[in-house]
Amino acid sequence: MAKPKAAQAADLQAPLANSQVVLDLERYVPALLVFLANKITNGSSNLYRKHFGVGVIEWRCMALLALEPWISPSRICQVIGLDKAAVSRSVRSLKDKGLVEVRSSTQRSRFLEIALTPEGCRLQDRIIRVALERERRLLADIAPEELELLVGILNRMLRRMPIVDRPIDIPE
């Protein structure tokens, strides 16, 4: 015989009663950042794929290449925080579409440098207008002084990541 729904719900709560610490997902900053980033990324990726033929990871690479042409894949990883495999796939896809050019490094022949092609620059110019409109919509309810505070806080958090990623004593 199946348990009533109230009993099933109580069974789901039972592990929580034994736990000493649970997260408040409406106040746990890493979760809030991830939830927001995931929603922004999914929406952007769907939109960019539909209208421009590139996903959000490819777009992030393009946006950085618009700022810093002829950089290495490792520089893209460093700035954007992507792993080498994701950057490699994105660069390969962008190259296959004629949006980036890849050459041997002018300083270290075993290394590669990447830059947008003229076609890549034109596409990046179109996508950035959409990205900025999405940002405008996201921030529409935030006052200018709140935005300055938010940007400052986010940049401070980014700078602390090396400290955050240091080894931690894992509790038993």
Protein backbone atom coordinates (compact mmCIF):
# COMPACT_ATOMS: atom_id res chain seq x y z
CA MET A 1 0.00 0.00 0.00
CA ALA A 2 1.36 3.42 -0.96
CA LYS A 3 2.07 5.95 1.78
CA PRO A 4 -0.05 9.11 1.91
CA LYS A 5 1.61 12.19 0.36
CA ALA A 6 2.15 13.76 3.80
CA ALA A 7 4.09 10.67 4.94
CA GLN A 8 6.15 10.68 1.72
CA ALA A 9 7.00 14.35 2.30
CA ALA A 10 8.03 13.56 5.88
CA ASP A 11 10.33 10.79 4.58
CA LEU A 12 12.00 13.33 2.26
CA GLN A 13 12.55 15.71 5.19
CA ALA A 14 13.97 13.00 7.48
CA PRO A 15 17.59 13.33 6.23
CA LEU A 16 17.42 17.07 6.91
CA ALA A 17 16.50 16.45 10.54
CA ASN A 18 19.79 14.56 11.01
CA SER A 19 21.88 17.22 9.26
CA GLN A 20 23.42 19.98 11.34
CA VAL A 21 23.76 22.46 8.46
CA VAL A 22 21.61 23.10 5.40
CA LEU A 23 21.91 25.83 2.80
CA ASP A 24 19.48 28.69 2.46
CA LEU A 25 19.46 28.78 -1.35
CA GLU A 26 17.94 32.27 -1.34
CA ARG A 27 20.97 33.64 0.56
CA TYR A 28 23.88 31.33 -0.33
CA VAL A 29 25.84 33.58 -2.68
CA PRO A 30 27.64 30.86 -4.72
CA ALA A 31 24.29 29.21 -5.49
CA LEU A 32 22.68 32.52 -6.44
CA LEU A 33 25.59 33.34 -8.76
CA VAL A 34 25.43 29.89 -10.38
CA PHE A 35 21.64 30.01 -10.77
CA LEU A 36 21.82 33.44 -12.38
CA ALA A 37 24.79 32.53 -14.59
CA ASN A 38 23.08 29.33 -15.75
CA LYS A 39 19.90 31.16 -16.68
CA ILE A 40 21.80 33.90 -18.50
CA THR A 41 23.98 31.34 -20.29
CA ASN A 42 21.08 29.12 -21.36
CA GLY A 43 19.02 32.03 -22.64
CA SER A 44 21.96 33.58 -24.47
CA SER A 45 23.08 30.31 -26.00
CA ASN A 46 19.61 29.51 -27.35
CA LEU A 47 19.24 33.01 -28.78
CA TYR A 48 22.72 33.19 -30.29
CA ARG A 49 22.48 29.71 -31.85
CA LYS A 50 19.09 30.49 -33.37
CA HIS A 51 19.99 33.89 -34.82
CA PHE A 52 23.77 33.82 -35.27
CA GLY A 53 24.78 30.15 -35.50
CA VAL A 54 27.13 30.28 -32.50
CA GLY A 55 26.68 29.24 -28.88
CA VAL A 56 27.46 31.28 -25.83
CA ILE A 57 30.91 29.71 -25.30
CA GLU A 58 31.89 30.61 -28.87
CA TRP A 59 30.48 34.10 -28.31
CA ARG A 60 32.55 34.55 -25.14
CA CYS A 61 35.67 33.64 -27.09
CA MET A 62 34.70 36.07 -29.85
CA ALA A 63 34.04 38.88 -27.37
CA LEU A 64 37.48 38.41 -25.82
CA LEU A 65 39.14 38.20 -29.24
CA ALA A 66 37.49 41.52 -30.17
CA LEU A 67 39.28 43.05 -27.14
CA GLU A 68 42.54 41.10 -27.45
CA PRO A 69 43.31 39.90 -30.99
CA TRP A 70 46.06 37.34 -31.56
CA ILE A 71 45.93 35.76 -28.13
CA SER A 72 46.59 32.17 -27.16
CA PRO A 73 43.95 29.61 -26.22
CA SER A 74 45.45 29.55 -22.72
CA ARG A 75 44.78 33.30 -22.42
CA ILE A 76 41.14 32.65 -23.31
CA CYS A 77 41.00 29.96 -20.59
CA GLN A 78 42.60 32.32 -18.09
CA VAL A 79 40.27 35.26 -18.71
CA ILE A 80 36.96 33.48 -19.26
CA GLY A 81 37.54 30.62 -16.85
CA LEU A 82 36.88 27.83 -19.32
CA ASP A 83 38.78 24.56 -19.55
CA LYS A 84 41.13 23.87 -22.46
CA ALA A 85 38.79 21.37 -24.10
CA ALA A 86 35.88 23.84 -24.24
CA VAL A 87 38.11 26.55 -25.70
CA SER A 88 39.60 24.12 -28.21
CA ARG A 89 36.13 23.02 -29.39
CA SER A 90 34.95 26.61 -29.63
CA VAL A 91 38.01 27.78 -31.56
CA ARG A 92 37.72 24.81 -33.94
CA SER A 93 34.03 25.59 -34.53
CA LEU A 94 34.72 29.29 -35.07
CA LYS A 95 37.57 28.46 -37.46
CA ASP A 96 35.37 26.03 -39.42
CA LYS A 97 32.80 28.83 -39.79
CA GLY A 98 35.44 31.29 -40.98
CA LEU A 99 35.02 33.51 -37.92
CA VAL A 100 38.56 33.22 -36.53
CA GLU A 101 42.02 32.81 -37.95
CA VAL A 102 44.62 30.67 -36.18
CA ARG A 103 48.36 31.03 -36.67
CA SER A 104 51.58 29.95 -35.01
CA SER A 105 52.72 32.33 -32.31
CA THR A 106 55.08 35.04 -33.46
CA GLN A 107 57.07 34.58 -30.23
CA ARG A 108 56.78 30.84 -29.53
CA SER A 109 56.38 28.70 -32.63
CA ARG A 110 54.79 25.72 -30.85
CA PHE A 111 51.96 27.89 -29.57
CA LEU A 112 48.91 29.24 -31.38
CA GLU A 113 47.43 32.70 -31.61
CA ILE A 114 43.83 33.43 -32.54
CA ALA A 115 42.07 36.50 -33.92
CA LEU A 116 38.68 37.29 -35.43
CA THR A 117 38.42 37.38 -39.20
CA PRO A 118 36.61 40.33 -40.82
CA GLU A 119 33.50 38.12 -40.94
CA GLY A 120 33.99 37.27 -37.26
CA CYS A 121 34.26 40.98 -36.44
CA ARG A 122 31.01 41.70 -38.28
CA LEU A 123 29.20 38.89 -36.45
CA GLN A 124 30.65 39.97 -33.10
CA ASP A 125 29.35 43.51 -33.75
CA ARG A 126 25.84 42.12 -34.31
CA ILE A 127 25.90 39.82 -31.28
CA ILE A 128 27.25 42.46 -28.92
CA ARG A 129 24.20 44.63 -29.56
CA VAL A 130 21.96 41.75 -28.48
CA ALA A 131 24.18 40.97 -25.47
CA LEU A 132 24.07 44.59 -24.33
CA GLU A 133 20.28 44.68 -24.69
CA ARG A 134 20.01 41.52 -22.56
CA GLU A 135 22.27 43.15 -19.97
CA ARG A 136 20.14 46.33 -20.05
CA ARG A 137 17.01 44.26 -19.39
CA LEU A 138 18.70 42.32 -16.59
CA LEU A 139 19.85 45.48 -14.82
CA ALA A 140 16.80 47.70 -15.53
CA ASP A 141 15.61 47.69 -11.90
CA ILE A 142 19.04 48.48 -10.46
CA ALA A 143 19.94 52.10 -9.71
CA PRO A 144 23.25 53.40 -11.13
CA GLU A 145 24.86 53.60 -7.69
CA GLU A 146 23.72 50.03 -6.92
CA LEU A 147 25.21 48.88 -10.23
CA GLU A 148 28.57 50.45 -9.40
CA LEU A 149 28.50 48.72 -6.02
CA LEU A 150 27.53 45.38 -7.62
CA VAL A 151 30.27 45.58 -10.25
CA GLY A 152 32.83 46.44 -7.59
CA ILE A 153 31.73 43.54 -5.40
CA LEU A 154 31.78 41.07 -8.29
CA ASN A 155 35.28 42.18 -9.29
CA ARG A 156 36.49 41.81 -5.69
CA MET A 157 34.99 38.31 -5.60
CA LEU A 158 36.77 37.40 -8.85
CA ARG A 159 40.09 38.60 -7.43
CA ARG A 160 39.57 36.40 -4.35
CA MET A 161 39.17 33.19 -6.36
CA PRO A 162 42.82 32.14 -5.92
CA ILE A 163 42.26 32.29 -2.16
CA VAL A 164 38.93 30.48 -2.41
CA ASP A 165 40.55 27.70 -4.43
CA ARG A 166 43.34 27.06 -1.93
CA PRO A 167 43.31 23.66 -0.21
CA ILE A 168 40.75 23.32 2.59
CA ASP A 169 40.78 21.01 5.57
CA ILE A 170 37.85 18.70 4.86
CA PRO A 171 35.71 17.95 7.93
CA GLU A 172 35.07 14.33 8.84
